[in-house]
């Protein structure tokens, strides 16, 4: 009798083990069948959480690698701003990448160019992938957007701090800023217009030709290597002059522009270089 009971217990234990093993296999299948999303951005704490630091105007290009053990069914992207859906993105805040796909893997190149409206806000993108078995995976990308030096230009007053005569034969990089120029500044508007402020000094404290030239426009080249501004003289308004500068430094705090001038008429060289240094101040 004891032998029969022992055999019964053995077979019962064997049956329970098989059932548990089968359930573990099923659970493993469920886990591995979930779509997987990987992207080339910095991972944060937590599954599927990524972060990227960028500047306004910079093109964000992220590659997402999606894979599943079964065919992929759909993929969509949702944008949020301060945790609220941004209805200006895609269609009411969402963009459909695909609605059906016979493949079990997909490479998605996500592109986005943050604007100045994204600065210092919680900008997020949620990528949602579903496979043909109805299993869904989400992955989040958060953008930390700071103001780029280019976009910062119209948001500051640029105070004239220094003018260096780079090619001075006796003393290279000598200071050439006149006292009457020390309170000058320029305002660069978003529409491309420019205003030169000659400061508060008047009379003997002002430069002799202040206001004789009327500045009209400014431009920074796409590669941020060339800065131009145009003006006309008050006595010849139809004669537009373009000044060309090489950008030596461009940050949110400093702008350094080098100009090459032909000053042979004044007994100097044909390629005299001057470095104009501006510092950013609040408007």
Protein backbone atom coordinates (compact mmCIF):
# COMPACT_ATOMS: atom_id res chain seq x y z
CA UNK A 1 0.00 0.00 0.00
CA UNK A 2 2.80 2.40 0.90
CA UNK A 3 4.48 1.61 -2.38
CA UNK A 4 1.33 2.51 -4.32
CA UNK A 5 0.96 5.77 -2.42
CA UNK A 6 4.58 6.70 -3.08
CA UNK A 7 4.18 5.98 -6.80
CA UNK A 8 0.98 8.04 -6.88
CA UNK A 9 2.76 10.97 -5.21
CA UNK A 10 5.61 10.67 -7.71
CA UNK A 11 3.30 10.75 -10.72
CA UNK A 12 1.31 13.64 -9.21
CA UNK A 13 4.50 15.62 -8.68
CA UNK A 14 5.59 14.85 -12.23
CA UNK A 15 2.27 16.09 -13.65
CA UNK A 16 2.44 19.34 -11.62
CA UNK A 17 6.03 19.94 -12.81
CA UNK A 18 5.04 19.47 -16.46
CA UNK A 19 2.12 21.88 -16.08
CA UNK A 20 4.29 24.53 -14.39
CA UNK A 21 7.01 24.11 -17.00
CA UNK A 22 4.47 24.53 -19.79
CA UNK A 23 3.10 27.70 -18.20
CA UNK A 24 6.61 29.12 -17.89
CA UNK A 25 7.18 28.45 -21.58
CA UNK A 26 3.93 30.19 -22.44
CA UNK A 27 4.85 33.19 -20.33
CA UNK A 28 8.28 33.35 -21.95
CA UNK A 29 6.66 33.27 -25.38
CA UNK A 30 4.43 36.19 -24.43
CA UNK A 31 7.40 38.27 -23.28
CA UNK A 32 9.62 37.57 -26.27
CA UNK A 33 6.75 38.15 -28.69
CA UNK A 34 6.35 41.77 -27.59
CA UNK A 35 7.75 44.21 -30.18
CA UNK A 36 11.15 45.61 -29.30
CA UNK A 37 12.16 49.27 -29.86
CA UNK A 38 15.74 50.51 -29.71
CA UNK A 39 16.92 54.03 -30.62
CA UNK A 40 20.31 55.75 -30.82
CA UNK A 41 19.73 58.19 -27.97
CA UNK A 42 20.76 58.27 -24.31
CA UNK A 43 18.80 55.85 -22.15
CA UNK A 44 17.17 57.08 -18.96
CA UNK A 45 16.23 55.09 -15.90
CA UNK A 46 13.35 52.84 -16.85
CA UNK A 47 12.49 50.62 -19.78
CA UNK A 48 11.97 52.39 -23.09
CA UNK A 49 12.97 55.84 -21.81
CA UNK A 50 15.40 57.92 -23.90
CA UNK A 51 16.64 61.52 -23.81
CA UNK A 52 18.40 63.82 -26.27
CA UNK A 53 19.85 67.30 -25.69
CA UNK A 54 19.68 69.68 -28.64
CA UNK A 55 19.37 73.34 -29.64
CA UNK A 56 16.59 75.19 -31.39
CA UNK A 57 16.96 74.96 -35.16
CA UNK A 58 19.12 71.81 -35.03
CA UNK A 59 17.79 68.83 -36.97
CA UNK A 60 17.12 65.86 -34.68
CA UNK A 61 17.65 62.59 -36.52
CA UNK A 62 17.00 59.40 -34.54
CA UNK A 63 17.11 55.85 -35.88
CA UNK A 64 14.64 53.42 -34.32
CA UNK A 65 15.10 49.69 -34.77
CA UNK A 66 11.82 47.78 -34.32
CA UNK A 67 11.62 44.00 -34.19
CA UNK A 68 9.07 41.34 -33.26
CA UNK A 69 8.74 37.56 -33.49
CA UNK A 70 5.49 38.11 -35.40
CA UNK A 71 4.57 40.53 -38.18
CA UNK A 72 4.24 44.17 -37.25
CA UNK A 73 0.77 45.67 -37.55
CA UNK A 74 1.06 49.41 -36.89
CA UNK A 75 3.29 52.19 -35.64
CA UNK A 76 2.47 55.74 -34.60
CA UNK A 77 4.21 58.73 -33.03
CA UNK A 78 2.62 61.13 -30.54
CA UNK A 79 4.09 64.48 -29.48
CA UNK A 80 3.51 66.11 -26.11
CA UNK A 81 4.44 69.53 -24.80
CA UNK A 82 4.53 69.90 -21.02
CA UNK A 83 2.79 66.50 -20.82
CA UNK A 84 -0.13 67.70 -22.98
CA UNK A 85 -0.73 66.46 -26.52
CA UNK A 86 0.62 68.96 -29.05
CA UNK A 87 -2.23 69.18 -31.57
CA UNK A 88 0.01 70.99 -34.08
CA UNK A 89 2.02 67.82 -34.64
CA UNK A 90 0.83 65.39 -37.34
CA UNK A 91 -2.93 64.95 -37.17
CA UNK A 92 -4.16 66.21 -33.81
CA UNK A 93 -0.89 65.34 -32.17
CA UNK A 94 -0.26 61.94 -33.74
CA UNK A 95 1.47 60.75 -36.88
CA UNK A 96 0.87 57.31 -38.38
CA UNK A 97 4.07 55.66 -39.61
CA UNK A 98 2.40 52.53 -41.03
CA UNK A 99 -0.92 50.71 -40.61
CA UNK A 100 0.14 47.26 -41.84
CA UNK A 101 3.42 45.57 -42.48
CA UNK A 102 4.16 41.99 -43.48
CA UNK A 103 7.68 42.18 -42.04
CA UNK A 104 8.66 41.46 -38.46
CA UNK A 105 11.34 44.17 -38.39
CA UNK A 106 11.45 47.82 -39.40
CA UNK A 107 13.97 50.68 -39.43
CA UNK A 108 12.40 54.09 -38.83
CA UNK A 109 14.31 57.36 -39.26
CA UNK A 110 12.64 59.96 -37.08
CA UNK A 111 13.36 63.62 -37.86
CA UNK A 112 12.31 66.73 -35.99
CA UNK A 113 13.57 70.31 -35.89
CA UNK A 114 12.81 72.01 -32.57
CA UNK A 115 11.77 75.64 -32.75
CA UNK A 116 12.18 78.46 -30.26
CA UNK A 117 8.68 77.53 -29.03
CA UNK A 118 10.15 74.27 -27.67
CA UNK A 119 12.81 75.96 -25.53
CA UNK A 120 12.76 75.08 -21.81
CA UNK A 121 9.60 72.97 -22.19
CA UNK A 122 8.99 69.25 -21.67
CA UNK A 123 9.02 68.03 -25.28
CA UNK A 124 8.23 64.34 -25.61
CA UNK A 125 7.60 61.80 -28.34
CA UNK A 126 5.94 58.44 -27.71
CA UNK A 127 6.51 55.69 -30.27
CA UNK A 128 3.85 52.97 -30.16
CA UNK A 129 4.25 49.68 -32.04
CA UNK A 130 1.70 46.84 -32.26
CA UNK A 131 2.17 43.41 -33.79
CA UNK A 132 -0.41 41.14 -35.43
CA UNK A 133 -1.01 39.37 -32.11
CA UNK A 134 -2.26 42.62 -30.59
CA UNK A 135 0.76 43.07 -28.34
CA UNK A 136 1.86 46.68 -27.89
CA UNK A 137 5.18 48.30 -26.94
CA UNK A 138 5.75 51.97 -26.21
CA UNK A 139 9.03 53.87 -26.06
CA UNK A 140 9.49 57.52 -25.08
CA UNK A 141 11.97 60.14 -26.26
CA UNK A 142 12.29 63.41 -24.34
CA UNK A 143 14.05 66.42 -25.85
CA UNK A 144 15.93 68.98 -23.79
CA UNK A 145 15.88 72.03 -26.09
CA UNK A 146 18.07 75.06 -25.40
CA UNK A 147 18.31 78.31 -27.34
CA UNK A 148 20.82 78.18 -30.20
CA UNK A 149 23.24 81.10 -30.71
CA UNK A 150 21.54 81.84 -34.06
CA UNK A 151 18.07 82.08 -32.54
CA UNK A 152 19.50 84.08 -29.66
CA UNK A 153 20.71 86.91 -31.93
CA UNK A 154 17.34 88.75 -32.18
CA UNK A 155 16.69 88.27 -28.45
CA UNK A 156 19.58 90.36 -27.19
CA UNK A 157 21.05 93.82 -27.53
CA UNK A 158 24.58 93.50 -28.90
CA UNK A 159 26.83 96.05 -27.22
CA UNK A 160 29.98 97.17 -29.05
CA UNK A 161 32.79 96.25 -26.63
CA UNK A 162 35.97 96.25 -28.69
CA UNK A 163 37.43 96.84 -32.16
CA UNK A 164 40.83 95.31 -32.74
CA UNK A 165 43.12 96.28 -35.60
CA UNK A 166 44.32 92.75 -36.32
CA UNK A 167 46.87 93.68 -38.97
CA UNK A 168 48.40 96.66 -37.19
CA UNK A 169 52.07 96.40 -38.33
CA UNK A 170 53.39 97.96 -35.11
CA UNK A 171 51.06 96.33 -32.58
CA UNK A 172 48.90 93.47 -33.95
CA UNK A 173 45.43 93.23 -32.41
CA UNK A 174 45.69 96.74 -31.02
CA UNK A 175 42.53 98.33 -29.63
CA UNK A 176 40.95 100.71 -32.16
CA UNK A 177 37.59 101.44 -30.50
CA UNK A 178 37.00 105.18 -30.24
CA UNK A 179 35.57 106.64 -27.04
CA UNK A 180 32.50 107.83 -28.92
CA UNK A 181 31.77 104.21 -30.00
CA UNK A 182 31.78 102.69 -26.53
CA UNK A 183 28.06 103.18 -25.98
CA UNK A 184 27.05 101.85 -29.42
CA UNK A 185 24.97 98.71 -29.85
CA UNK A 186 22.91 96.94 -32.49
CA UNK A 187 19.53 95.24 -32.51
CA UNK A 188 18.99 92.37 -34.94
CA UNK A 189 15.30 91.75 -35.56
CA UNK A 190 13.81 88.39 -36.56
CA UNK A 191 12.50 89.89 -39.82
CA UNK A 192 16.07 90.66 -40.92
CA UNK A 193 16.02 94.37 -40.15
CA UNK A 194 18.76 95.98 -38.11
CA UNK A 195 19.00 99.06 -35.90
CA UNK A 196 22.25 100.71 -34.84
CA UNK A 197 21.92 102.51 -31.52
CA UNK A 198 24.59 105.19 -31.14
CA UNK A 199 24.00 105.53 -27.42
CA UNK A 200 23.15 108.46 -25.21
CA UNK A 201 26.29 110.52 -25.81
CA UNK A 202 25.52 113.64 -27.83
CA UNK A 203 27.43 116.75 -28.80
CA UNK A 204 31.15 116.39 -28.18
CA UNK A 205 30.62 112.85 -26.86
CA UNK A 206 29.16 111.54 -30.11
CA UNK A 207 31.06 110.32 -33.14
CA UNK A 208 31.26 112.86 -35.97
CA UNK A 209 29.34 110.75 -38.53
CA UNK A 210 26.79 109.06 -36.24
CA UNK A 211 23.57 108.55 -38.16
CA UNK A 212 25.02 109.35 -41.58
CA UNK A 213 24.56 105.68 -42.54
CA UNK A 214 21.12 104.08 -42.23
CA UNK A 215 21.37 100.33 -41.62
CA UNK A 216 18.60 98.27 -43.15
CA UNK A 217 19.19 94.49 -43.09
CA UNK A 218 21.34 91.75 -41.59
CA UNK A 219 21.90 88.09 -42.43
CA UNK A 220 23.78 85.10 -41.03
CA UNK A 221 24.69 82.43 -43.58
CA UNK A 222 23.35 78.90 -43.14
CA UNK A 223 26.81 77.62 -42.18
CA UNK A 224 27.12 80.51 -39.67
CA UNK A 225 30.47 81.54 -41.13
CA UNK A 226 29.45 84.83 -42.77
CA UNK A 227 27.55 87.80 -41.34
CA UNK A 228 26.39 90.63 -43.61
CA UNK A 229 24.61 93.90 -43.02
CA UNK A 230 23.47 96.56 -45.48
CA UNK A 231 23.14 100.31 -45.25
CA UNK A 232 22.74 103.46 -47.35
CA UNK A 233 24.02 106.97 -46.79
CA UNK A 234 21.48 109.67 -46.00
CA UNK A 235 22.77 111.67 -48.97
CA UNK A 236 22.63 108.71 -51.39
CA UNK A 237 19.66 106.48 -50.38
CA UNK A 238 19.74 104.53 -53.66
CA UNK A 239 23.34 103.40 -53.13
CA UNK A 240 23.08 100.24 -51.02
CA UNK A 241 26.32 99.10 -49.41
CA UNK A 242 26.86 95.55 -48.11
CA UNK A 243 29.35 94.93 -45.33
CA UNK A 244 30.72 91.38 -45.14
CA UNK A 245 32.19 89.88 -41.97
CA UNK A 246 33.71 86.52 -41.15
CA UNK A 247 32.17 85.06 -38.00
CA UNK A 248 34.97 84.27 -35.55
CA UNK A 249 32.85 83.62 -32.45
CA UNK A 250 29.13 83.04 -32.07
CA UNK A 251 27.70 82.09 -28.68
CA UNK A 252 24.67 83.20 -26.74
CA UNK A 253 26.92 85.72 -24.94
CA UNK A 254 29.44 86.91 -27.55
CA UNK A 255 29.62 87.79 -31.23
CA UNK A 256 33.00 88.39 -32.89
CA UNK A 257 33.08 89.55 -36.52
CA UNK A 258 36.18 90.09 -38.63
CA UNK A 259 36.09 92.48 -41.59
CA UNK A 260 38.71 92.82 -44.31
CA UNK A 261 39.01 96.31 -45.84
CA UNK A 262 41.00 97.86 -48.68
CA UNK A 263 42.50 100.96 -47.09
CA UNK A 264 45.14 101.77 -49.68
CA UNK A 265 43.44 105.13 -50.23
CA UNK A 266 44.43 105.98 -46.64
CA UNK A 267 48.00 104.78 -46.99
CA UNK A 268 47.34 101.37 -45.44
CA UNK A 269 47.16 97.85 -46.88
CA UNK A 270 44.70 96.31 -49.34
CA UNK A 271 43.63 93.69 -46.80
CA UNK A 272 43.46 95.33 -43.43
CA UNK A 273 41.57 93.21 -40.90
CA UNK A 274 39.47 94.47 -38.01
CA UNK A 275 37.78 92.37 -35.34
CA UNK A 276 34.50 93.74 -33.99
CA UNK A 277 33.54 92.30 -30.59
CA UNK A 278 29.97 92.48 -29.25
CA UNK A 279 28.56 91.21 -25.98
CA UNK A 280 24.96 90.25 -25.36
CA UNK A 281 22.79 92.33 -23.05
CA UNK A 282 19.04 92.16 -22.31
CA UNK A 283 16.80 94.04 -24.73
